[in-house]
Amino acid sequence: MLPPYPPELQAVSDQVAINAAAKRRKQAMVRVAPILSIMLPGLYLASRSATVLPAAGAASATANSYTTDFPRAENPIFEGGKWINGRAGLDWGDVRTVPGFAFGIEAGGNRPEPDKYDDPTAILSGKWGPNQTAQAKVHRTNKDNDHVWQEVELRLRSSITPHNATGYEIMFRCSKSPEAYCNIARWDGILGAFVMLKTTKGSEYGVADRDEVKATIKGDVITVYKNGAEIVQTKDYLFKAGNPGIGFYLEGATGVNNQCGFSSFRATSE
């Protein structure tokens, strides 16, 4: 995992090549933002934008919960106002449902950066406490293919507004090949601005049909489970507030969005 941030402000180099040696899924499963940036604790100043994102403040405890098995066909998912979709941020995709199944709406294929990082996203609305759990059951019909990067994602402490998406993403590759992974990333604002906090690789980290995936955040600790067993853990201090949700990703193929998604979802907070 990445080393912890220092508690005091510390200037970092004016040039941080966030998009380094390996691309997000193709090489070493490390996805990083393809921009130059200046990062200070609590601030993110991107060279593509003059916007400075404020530090997330401490969140008060708010108990909340929501459970769904996606009973209706909706494009995008709405469920009576329970969800905020990616297009609320203008730069990200939406989540679609058919009865019993949720999946992303994304072009896929082989698009350039940062366009391909428009992960379809749906974040729960309302007030949520900072200690959160998001869990879902996977439904997939796709075949393992090391040249296609298809993911299901859980979100924690996330928010989305025009041209700004923040929070934590826990991504699972829809594959059981040795090239599968479960990674944890932090979204830092504009499209393509993210930092990998933890990467893994191996068939044990990918997901099969009917697998149960879960992610929790308590304080600055993010813990990930598959079928009840802990598989990944890391720490990050930056975002103290936000809401749980879901997301998806597709690269290397088109027209197969509905071959991997979620059949149910539950979130809680305290």
C-alpha atoms as a PDB file:
ATOM      1  CA  MET A   1       0.000   0.000   0.000  1.00  0.00           C
ATOM      2  CA  LEU A   2       1.037   3.608  -0.395  1.00  0.00           C
ATOM      3  CA  PRO A   3       2.907   5.185   2.542  1.00  0.00           C
ATOM      4  CA  PRO A   4       0.707   7.349   4.782  1.00  0.00           C
ATOM      5  CA  TYR A   5       0.479  11.057   4.117  1.00  0.00           C
ATOM      6  CA  PRO A   6       2.306  13.368   6.555  1.00  0.00           C
ATOM      7  CA  PRO A   7       0.032  15.185   8.982  1.00  0.00           C
ATOM      8  CA  GLU A   8       1.298  18.642   8.086  1.00  0.00           C
ATOM      9  CA  LEU A   9       1.271  20.426   4.743  1.00  0.00           C
ATOM     10  CA  GLN A  10       4.198  19.423   2.627  1.00  0.00           C
ATOM     11  CA  ALA A  11       4.856  20.670  -0.886  1.00  0.00           C
ATOM     12  CA  VAL A  12       5.457  17.963  -3.410  1.00  0.00           C
ATOM     13  CA  SER A  13       7.220  18.381  -6.718  1.00  0.00           C
ATOM     14  CA  ASP A  14       5.549  20.581  -9.326  1.00  0.00           C
ATOM     15  CA  GLN A  15       5.804  17.671 -11.715  1.00  0.00           C
ATOM     16  CA  VAL A  16       4.397  14.393 -10.546  1.00  0.00           C
ATOM     17  CA  ALA A  17       3.966  12.048 -13.459  1.00  0.00           C
ATOM     18  CA  ILE A  18       0.857  10.338 -12.165  1.00  0.00           C
ATOM     19  CA  ASN A  19       0.534   8.200 -15.260  1.00  0.00           C
ATOM     20  CA  ALA A  20       3.760   6.238 -14.739  1.00  0.00           C
ATOM     21  CA  ALA A  21       5.136   2.998 -16.092  1.00  0.00           C
ATOM     22  CA  ALA A  22       2.077   0.757 -16.070  1.00  0.00           C
ATOM     23  CA  LYS A  23      -1.374   1.457 -17.267  1.00  0.00           C
ATOM     24  CA  ARG A  24      -4.340   0.779 -15.132  1.00  0.00           C
ATOM     25  CA  ARG A  25      -5.309  -2.704 -16.230  1.00  0.00           C
ATOM     26  CA  LYS A  26      -3.012  -3.657 -19.053  1.00  0.00           C
ATOM     27  CA  GLN A  27       0.301  -3.625 -17.178  1.00  0.00           C
ATOM     28  CA  ALA A  28       0.628  -4.383 -13.476  1.00  0.00           C
ATOM     29  CA  MET A  29      -3.002  -3.387 -12.885  1.00  0.00           C
ATOM     30  CA  VAL A  30      -1.986   0.020 -11.595  1.00  0.00           C
ATOM     31  CA  ARG A  31      -4.288   2.827 -12.661  1.00  0.00           C
ATOM     32  CA  VAL A  32      -3.144   6.368 -12.038  1.00  0.00           C
ATOM     33  CA  ALA A  33      -4.170   9.768 -13.307  1.00  0.00           C
ATOM     34  CA  PRO A  34      -2.702  10.798 -16.667  1.00  0.00           C
ATOM     35  CA  ILE A  35      -2.036  14.405 -15.633  1.00  0.00           C
ATOM     36  CA  LEU A  36       0.615  16.466 -13.948  1.00  0.00           C
ATOM     37  CA  SER A  37      -0.473  17.716 -10.555  1.00  0.00           C
ATOM     38  CA  ILE A  38       0.485  19.460  -7.371  1.00  0.00           C
ATOM     39  CA  MET A  39      -0.784  17.637  -4.308  1.00  0.00           C
ATOM     40  CA  LEU A  40      -0.991  19.005  -0.787  1.00  0.00           C
ATOM     41  CA  PRO A  41      -2.828  17.284   2.051  1.00  0.00           C
ATOM     42  CA  GLY A  42      -6.458  18.230   1.587  1.00  0.00           C
ATOM     43  CA  LEU A  43      -5.888  19.916  -1.789  1.00  0.00           C
ATOM     44  CA  TYR A  44      -5.714  18.698  -5.386  1.00  0.00           C
ATOM     45  CA  LEU A  45      -4.655  21.181  -8.072  1.00  0.00           C
ATOM     46  CA  ALA A  46      -4.731  19.664 -11.538  1.00  0.00           C
ATOM     47  CA  SER A  47      -2.911  21.155 -14.471  1.00  0.00           C
ATOM     48  CA  ARG A  48      -6.007  20.566 -16.641  1.00  0.00           C
ATOM     49  CA  SER A  49      -8.169  22.746 -14.427  1.00  0.00           C
ATOM     50  CA  ALA A  50      -7.917  25.847 -12.311  1.00  0.00           C
ATOM     51  CA  THR A  51     -10.291  24.361  -9.740  1.00  0.00           C
ATOM     52  CA  VAL A  52      -8.866  23.573  -6.309  1.00  0.00           C
ATOM     53  CA  LEU A  53     -10.826  20.901  -4.472  1.00  0.00           C
ATOM     54  CA  PRO A  54     -11.338  21.673  -0.775  1.00  0.00           C
ATOM     55  CA  ALA A  55     -10.323  19.219   1.904  1.00  0.00           C
ATOM     56  CA  ALA A  56     -13.118  16.994   3.071  1.00  0.00           C
ATOM     57  CA  GLY A  57     -14.323  17.918   6.517  1.00  0.00           C
ATOM     58  CA  ALA A  58     -15.096  15.492   9.293  1.00  0.00           C
ATOM     59  CA  ALA A  59     -18.515  13.879   8.932  1.00  0.00           C
ATOM     60  CA  SER A  60     -20.958  13.471  11.779  1.00  0.00           C
ATOM     61  CA  ALA A  61     -22.287  10.004  12.501  1.00  0.00           C
ATOM     62  CA  THR A  62     -25.488   9.335  10.535  1.00  0.00           C
ATOM     63  CA  ALA A  63     -26.974   5.863  10.643  1.00  0.00           C
ATOM     64  CA  ASN A  64     -28.466   4.892   7.291  1.00  0.00           C
ATOM     65  CA  SER A  65     -29.101   1.788   5.218  1.00  0.00           C
ATOM     66  CA  TYR A  66     -30.439   0.822   1.817  1.00  0.00           C
ATOM     67  CA  THR A  67     -31.025  -2.554   0.167  1.00  0.00           C
ATOM     68  CA  THR A  68     -32.097  -3.294  -3.383  1.00  0.00           C
ATOM     69  CA  ASP A  69     -32.315  -6.181  -5.817  1.00  0.00           C
ATOM     70  CA  PHE A  70     -32.956  -3.748  -8.693  1.00  0.00           C
ATOM     71  CA  PRO A  71     -36.640  -4.626  -9.205  1.00  0.00           C
ATOM     72  CA  ARG A  72     -37.358  -2.233 -12.091  1.00  0.00           C
ATOM     73  CA  ALA A  73     -36.032  -1.507 -15.562  1.00  0.00           C
ATOM     74  CA  GLU A  74     -34.549   1.999 -15.359  1.00  0.00           C
ATOM     75  CA  ASN A  75     -32.100   3.888 -17.554  1.00  0.00           C
ATOM     76  CA  PRO A  76     -30.532   5.400 -15.571  1.00  0.00           C
ATOM     77  CA  ILE A  77     -31.166   3.798 -12.180  1.00  0.00           C
ATOM     78  CA  PHE A  78     -33.375   6.004 -10.001  1.00  0.00           C
ATOM     79  CA  GLU A  79     -35.460   3.875  -7.569  1.00  0.00           C
ATOM     80  CA  GLY A  80     -37.575   6.775  -6.383  1.00  0.00           C
ATOM     81  CA  GLY A  81     -34.715   9.242  -6.052  1.00  0.00           C
ATOM     82  CA  LYS A  82     -32.340   6.979  -4.145  1.00  0.00           C
ATOM     83  CA  TRP A  83     -29.516   7.278  -6.689  1.00  0.00           C
ATOM     84  CA  ILE A  84     -27.362  10.022  -8.231  1.00  0.00           C
ATOM     85  CA  ASN A  85     -25.928   8.910 -11.565  1.00  0.00           C
ATOM     86  CA  GLY A  86     -22.622   9.590 -13.275  1.00  0.00           C
ATOM     87  CA  ARG A  87     -24.090  12.048 -15.771  1.00  0.00           C
ATOM     88  CA  ALA A  88     -24.769  14.367 -12.825  1.00  0.00           C
ATOM     89  CA  GLY A  89     -21.011  14.877 -13.055  1.00  0.00           C
ATOM     90  CA  LEU A  90     -21.260  15.345 -16.857  1.00  0.00           C
ATOM     91  CA  ASP A  91     -18.053  13.388 -17.526  1.00  0.00           C
ATOM     92  CA  TRP A  92     -19.015   9.917 -16.249  1.00  0.00           C
ATOM     93  CA  GLY A  93     -21.456   7.251 -17.400  1.00  0.00           C
ATOM     94  CA  ASP A  94     -24.754   6.127 -15.878  1.00  0.00           C
ATOM     95  CA  VAL A  95     -25.894   2.833 -14.411  1.00  0.00           C
ATOM     96  CA  ARG A  96     -28.797   0.972 -16.007  1.00  0.00           C
ATOM     97  CA  THR A  97     -31.055  -1.707 -14.541  1.00  0.00           C
ATOM     98  CA  VAL A  98     -33.281  -4.458 -15.811  1.00  0.00           C
ATOM     99  CA  PRO A  99     -35.281  -6.427 -13.237  1.00  0.00           C
ATOM    100  CA  GLY A 100     -32.768  -8.162 -10.986  1.00  0.00           C
ATOM    101  CA  PHE A 101     -29.614  -6.731 -12.555  1.00  0.00           C
ATOM    102  CA  ALA A 102     -27.564  -3.487 -12.636  1.00  0.00           C
ATOM    103  CA  PHE A 103     -24.767  -2.749 -15.110  1.00  0.00           C
ATOM    104  CA  GLY A 104     -22.867   0.190 -16.577  1.00  0.00           C
ATOM    105  CA  ILE A 105     -23.470   2.208 -19.727  1.00  0.00           C
ATOM    106  CA  GLU A 106     -20.066   2.839 -21.290  1.00  0.00           C
ATOM    107  CA  ALA A 107     -18.603   2.874 -24.795  1.00  0.00           C
ATOM    108  CA  GLY A 108     -15.755   0.505 -23.928  1.00  0.00           C
ATOM    109  CA  GLY A 109     -13.367  -0.342 -26.736  1.00  0.00           C
ATOM    110  CA  ASN A 110      -9.865   1.105 -26.850  1.00  0.00           C
ATOM    111  CA  ARG A 111     -10.269   4.791 -26.097  1.00  0.00           C
ATOM    112  CA  PRO A 112      -7.529   7.251 -25.124  1.00  0.00           C
ATOM    113  CA  GLU A 113      -6.911   8.574 -21.641  1.00  0.00           C
ATOM    114  CA  PRO A 114      -8.634  10.190 -19.835  1.00  0.00           C
ATOM    115  CA  ASP A 115     -11.798   9.481 -21.867  1.00  0.00           C
ATOM    116  CA  LYS A 116     -11.800   5.786 -21.049  1.00  0.00           C
ATOM    117  CA  TYR A 117     -11.983   6.532 -17.317  1.00  0.00           C
ATOM    118  CA  ASP A 118     -15.632   7.643 -17.488  1.00  0.00           C
ATOM    119  CA  ASP A 119     -16.681   4.707 -15.283  1.00  0.00           C
ATOM    120  CA  PRO A 120     -20.475   4.391 -15.095  1.00  0.00           C
ATOM    121  CA  THR A 121     -21.344   5.455 -11.550  1.00  0.00           C
ATOM    122  CA  ALA A 122     -24.346   5.565  -9.222  1.00  0.00           C
ATOM    123  CA  ILE A 123     -24.055   7.047  -5.725  1.00  0.00           C
ATOM    124  CA  LEU A 124     -26.799   6.798  -3.103  1.00  0.00           C
ATOM    125  CA  SER A 125     -28.479  10.075  -2.196  1.00  0.00           C
ATOM    126  CA  GLY A 126     -29.158  11.341   1.312  1.00  0.00           C
ATOM    127  CA  LYS A 127     -27.048  11.637   4.428  1.00  0.00           C
ATOM    128  CA  TRP A 128     -24.618   8.885   5.315  1.00  0.00           C
ATOM    129  CA  GLY A 129     -22.246   8.498   8.229  1.00  0.00           C
ATOM    130  CA  PRO A 130     -18.493   8.176   7.658  1.00  0.00           C
ATOM    131  CA  ASN A 131     -18.198   4.519   8.710  1.00  0.00           C
ATOM    132  CA  GLN A 132     -19.678   2.738   5.706  1.00  0.00           C
ATOM    133  CA  THR A 133     -20.244  -0.732   4.293  1.00  0.00           C
ATOM    134  CA  ALA A 134     -21.144  -1.488   0.669  1.00  0.00           C
ATOM    135  CA  GLN A 135     -21.791  -5.043  -0.483  1.00  0.00           C
ATOM    136  CA  ALA A 136     -23.185  -6.653  -3.608  1.00  0.00           C
ATOM    137  CA  LYS A 137     -23.711  -9.965  -5.381  1.00  0.00           C
ATOM    138  CA  VAL A 138     -22.003 -10.366  -8.756  1.00  0.00           C
ATOM    139  CA  HIS A 139     -23.778 -11.660 -11.829  1.00  0.00           C
ATOM    140  CA  ARG A 140     -21.566 -12.387 -14.817  1.00  0.00           C
ATOM    141  CA  THR A 141     -21.917 -14.320 -18.055  1.00  0.00           C
ATOM    142  CA  ASN A 142     -18.723 -13.127 -19.776  1.00  0.00           C
ATOM    143  CA  LYS A 143     -15.836 -15.480 -20.453  1.00  0.00           C
ATOM    144  CA  ASP A 144     -12.364 -14.848 -19.051  1.00  0.00           C
ATOM    145  CA  ASN A 145     -10.413 -12.791 -21.575  1.00  0.00           C
ATOM    146  CA  ASP A 146      -7.091 -11.198 -20.663  1.00  0.00           C
ATOM    147  CA  HIS A 147      -7.555  -8.637 -23.444  1.00  0.00           C
ATOM    148  CA  VAL A 148     -10.796  -7.269 -21.985  1.00  0.00           C
ATOM    149  CA  TRP A 149     -10.875  -5.288 -18.736  1.00  0.00           C
ATOM    150  CA  GLN A 150     -14.374  -5.460 -17.302  1.00  0.00           C
ATOM    151  CA  GLU A 151     -15.027  -4.538 -13.690  1.00  0.00           C
ATOM    152  CA  VAL A 152     -17.672  -4.269 -11.024  1.00  0.00           C
ATOM    153  CA  GLU A 153     -16.972  -1.575  -8.435  1.00  0.00           C
ATOM    154  CA  LEU A 154     -18.071  -0.597  -4.940  1.00  0.00           C
ATOM    155  CA  ARG A 155     -17.875   3.027  -3.837  1.00  0.00           C
ATOM    156  CA  LEU A 156     -17.336   4.515  -0.382  1.00  0.00           C
ATOM    157  CA  ARG A 157     -17.418   8.152   0.829  1.00  0.00           C
ATOM    158  CA  SER A 158     -18.127   9.240  -2.727  1.00  0.00           C
ATOM    159  CA  SER A 159     -19.719  12.309  -4.254  1.00  0.00           C
ATOM    160  CA  ILE A 160     -20.331  13.544  -7.778  1.00  0.00           C
ATOM    161  CA  THR A 161     -21.078  17.044  -9.069  1.00  0.00           C
ATOM    162  CA  PRO A 162     -20.374  18.672 -12.457  1.00  0.00           C
ATOM    163  CA  HIS A 163     -16.798  17.812 -13.516  1.00  0.00           C
ATOM    164  CA  ASN A 164     -15.946  16.606 -10.006  1.00  0.00           C
ATOM    165  CA  ALA A 165     -16.062  13.047  -8.619  1.00  0.00           C
ATOM    166  CA  THR A 166     -14.370  12.118  -5.347  1.00  0.00           C
ATOM    167  CA  GLY A 167     -14.204   9.185  -2.966  1.00  0.00           C
ATOM    168  CA  TYR A 168     -12.963   5.615  -2.858  1.00  0.00           C
ATOM    169  CA  GLU A 169     -13.398   2.931  -5.517  1.00  0.00           C
ATOM    170  CA  ILE A 170     -12.960  -0.787  -4.891  1.00  0.00           C
ATOM    171  CA  MET A 171     -12.705  -2.548  -8.257  1.00  0.00           C
ATOM    172  CA  PHE A 172     -12.963  -6.264  -9.034  1.00  0.00           C
ATOM    173  CA  ARG A 173     -12.055  -7.652 -12.443  1.00  0.00           C
ATOM    174  CA  CYS A 174     -14.800  -9.844 -13.934  1.00  0.00           C
ATOM    175  CA  SER A 175     -12.362 -12.682 -14.505  1.00  0.00           C
ATOM    176  CA  LYS A 176     -10.878 -15.641 -12.690  1.00  0.00           C
ATOM    177  CA  SER A 177      -7.690 -15.763 -14.752  1.00  0.00           C
ATOM    178  CA  PRO A 178      -4.234 -15.162 -13.215  1.00  0.00           C
ATOM    179  CA  GLU A 179      -4.542 -11.602 -14.574  1.00  0.00           C
ATOM    180  CA  ALA A 180      -7.536 -10.808 -12.365  1.00  0.00           C
ATOM    181  CA  TYR A 181      -7.291  -8.202  -9.611  1.00  0.00           C
ATOM    182  CA  CYS A 182      -8.975  -6.318  -6.808  1.00  0.00           C
ATOM    183  CA  ASN A 183      -7.645  -2.752  -6.515  1.00  0.00           C
ATOM    184  CA  ILE A 184      -8.479   0.253  -4.366  1.00  0.00           C
ATOM    185  CA  ALA A 185      -8.317   3.760  -5.843  1.00  0.00           C
ATOM    186  CA  ARG A 186      -9.067   7.271  -4.631  1.00  0.00           C
ATOM    187  CA  TRP A 187     -10.912   9.581  -7.016  1.00  0.00           C
ATOM    188  CA  ASP A 188      -9.588  13.136  -6.724  1.00  0.00           C
ATOM    189  CA  GLY A 189     -11.927  15.259  -8.840  1.00  0.00           C
ATOM    190  CA  ILE A 190     -11.737  15.801 -12.593  1.00  0.00           C
ATOM    191  CA  LEU A 191     -12.014  12.990 -15.118  1.00  0.00           C
ATOM    192  CA  GLY A 192      -8.905  10.804 -14.955  1.00  0.00           C
ATOM    193  CA  ALA A 193      -7.663  12.225 -11.648  1.00  0.00           C
ATOM    194  CA  PHE A 194      -7.171   9.275  -9.355  1.00  0.00           C
ATOM    195  CA  VAL A 195      -4.496   7.569  -7.299  1.00  0.00           C
ATOM    196  CA  MET A 196      -4.075   3.832  -6.762  1.00  0.00           C
ATOM    197  CA  LEU A 197      -3.915   3.079  -3.047  1.00  0.00           C
ATOM    198  CA  LYS A 198      -3.596  -0.717  -3.306  1.00  0.00           C
ATOM    199  CA  THR A 199      -3.136  -3.152  -6.193  1.00  0.00           C
ATOM    200  CA  THR A 200      -3.307  -6.942  -6.363  1.00  0.00           C
ATOM    201  CA  LYS A 201      -3.050  -9.582  -9.045  1.00  0.00           C
ATOM    202  CA  GLY A 202      -4.176 -13.203  -9.176  1.00  0.00           C
ATOM    203  CA  SER A 203      -7.204 -15.384  -9.851  1.00  0.00           C
ATOM    204  CA  GLU A 204      -8.175 -15.267  -6.176  1.00  0.00           C
ATOM    205  CA  TYR A 205      -8.933 -11.537  -6.497  1.00  0.00           C
ATOM    206  CA  GLY A 206     -11.247 -11.732  -9.512  1.00  0.00           C
ATOM    207  CA  VAL A 207     -14.961 -12.428  -9.300  1.00  0.00           C
ATOM    208  CA  ALA A 208     -17.156 -15.236 -10.568  1.00  0.00           C
ATOM    209  CA  ASP A 209     -20.914 -15.387 -10.954  1.00  0.00           C
ATOM    210  CA  ARG A 210     -22.726 -15.175  -7.592  1.00  0.00           C
ATOM    211  CA  ASP A 211     -19.660 -14.040  -5.656  1.00  0.00           C
ATOM    212  CA  GLU A 212     -20.439 -11.708  -2.743  1.00  0.00           C
ATOM    213  CA  VAL A 213     -18.173  -8.659  -2.526  1.00  0.00           C
ATOM    214  CA  LYS A 214     -18.017  -6.178   0.350  1.00  0.00           C
ATOM    215  CA  ALA A 215     -15.983  -3.115   1.268  1.00  0.00           C
ATOM    216  CA  THR A 216     -15.920  -1.190   4.539  1.00  0.00           C
ATOM    217  CA  ILE A 217     -14.332   2.052   5.669  1.00  0.00           C
ATOM    218  CA  LYS A 218     -13.807   2.890   9.326  1.00  0.00           C
ATOM    219  CA  GLY A 219     -11.694   5.891  10.148  1.00  0.00           C
ATOM    220  CA  ASP A 220      -8.915   5.751   7.548  1.00  0.00           C
ATOM    221  CA  VAL A 221      -8.974   1.964   7.058  1.00  0.00           C
ATOM    222  CA  ILE A 222     -10.533   0.407   3.946  1.00  0.00           C
ATOM    223  CA  THR A 223     -11.091  -3.358   4.079  1.00  0.00           C
ATOM    224  CA  VAL A 224     -12.319  -5.567   1.232  1.00  0.00           C
ATOM    225  CA  TYR A 225     -13.967  -8.986   1.447  1.00  0.00           C
ATOM    226  CA  LYS A 226     -14.998 -11.647  -1.027  1.00  0.00           C
ATOM    227  CA  ASN A 227     -17.432 -14.343   0.043  1.00  0.00           C
ATOM    228  CA  GLY A 228     -16.857 -13.372   3.667  1.00  0.00           C
ATOM    229  CA  ALA A 229     -13.047 -13.579   3.627  1.00  0.00           C
ATOM    230  CA  GLU A 230     -10.834 -10.505   3.871  1.00  0.00           C
ATOM    231  CA  ILE A 231      -8.680 -10.112   0.749  1.00  0.00           C
ATOM    232  CA  VAL A 232      -7.356  -6.523   0.718  1.00  0.00           C
ATOM    233  CA  GLN A 233      -6.796  -3.685   3.179  1.00  0.00           C
ATOM    234  CA  THR A 234      -5.268  -0.235   2.964  1.00  0.00           C
ATOM    235  CA  LYS A 235      -5.418   3.220   4.574  1.00  0.00           C
ATOM    236  CA  ASP A 236      -6.105   6.721   3.334  1.00  0.00           C
ATOM    237  CA  TYR A 237      -6.907   9.830   5.316  1.00  0.00           C
ATOM    238  CA  LEU A 238      -8.195  12.282   2.708  1.00  0.00           C
ATOM    239  CA  PHE A 239     -11.976  11.946   2.373  1.00  0.00           C
ATOM    240  CA  LYS A 240     -13.964  11.980   5.598  1.00  0.00           C
ATOM    241  CA  ALA A 241     -17.454  12.233   4.116  1.00  0.00           C
ATOM    242  CA  GLY A 242     -19.467  11.054   1.117  1.00  0.00           C
ATOM    243  CA  ASN A 243     -21.902   8.308   0.194  1.00  0.00           C
ATOM    244  CA  PRO A 244     -21.684   4.632  -0.804  1.00  0.00           C
ATOM    245  CA  GLY A 245     -22.517   3.430  -4.301  1.00  0.00           C
ATOM    246  CA  ILE A 246     -21.628   1.243  -7.262  1.00  0.00           C
ATOM    247  CA  GLY A 247     -19.711   1.539 -10.519  1.00  0.00           C
ATOM    248  CA  PHE A 248     -18.494  -0.388 -13.555  1.00  0.00           C
ATOM    249  CA  TYR A 249     -15.698  -0.296 -16.144  1.00  0.00           C
ATOM    250  CA  LEU A 250     -15.192  -1.718 -19.631  1.00  0.00           C
ATOM    251  CA  GLU A 251     -12.100  -1.576 -21.832  1.00  0.00           C
ATOM    252  CA  GLY A 252     -11.042  -3.704 -24.800  1.00  0.00           C
ATOM    253  CA  ALA A 253     -14.544  -4.680 -25.974  1.00  0.00           C
ATOM    254  CA  THR A 254     -17.841  -3.068 -26.905  1.00  0.00           C
ATOM    255  CA  GLY A 255     -21.465  -4.100 -26.534  1.00  0.00           C
ATOM    256  CA  VAL A 256     -20.862  -6.436 -23.581  1.00  0.00           C
ATOM    257  CA  ASN A 257     -21.719  -4.115 -20.699  1.00  0.00           C
ATOM    258  CA  ASN A 258     -24.530  -6.391 -19.543  1.00  0.00           C
ATOM    259  CA  GLN A 259     -22.246  -9.413 -19.204  1.00  0.00           C
ATOM    260  CA  CYS A 260     -21.014  -8.440 -15.735  1.00  0.00           C
ATOM    261  CA  GLY A 261     -22.859  -6.485 -13.062  1.00  0.00           C
ATOM    262  CA  PHE A 262     -24.651  -6.733  -9.717  1.00  0.00           C
ATOM    263  CA  SER A 263     -27.866  -8.624  -8.904  1.00  0.00           C
ATOM    264  CA  SER A 264     -28.274  -7.042  -5.463  1.00  0.00           C
ATOM    265  CA  PHE A 265     -26.746  -4.297  -3.341  1.00  0.00           C
ATOM    266  CA  ARG A 266     -26.790  -3.210   0.292  1.00  0.00           C
ATOM    267  CA  ALA A 267     -25.194  -0.230   2.021  1.00  0.00           C
ATOM    268  CA  THR A 268     -25.089   0.821   5.671  1.00  0.00           C
ATOM    269  CA  SER A 269     -23.452   3.608   7.631  1.00  0.00           C
ATOM    270  CA  GLU A 270     -23.001   4.760  11.203  1.00  0.00           C
END
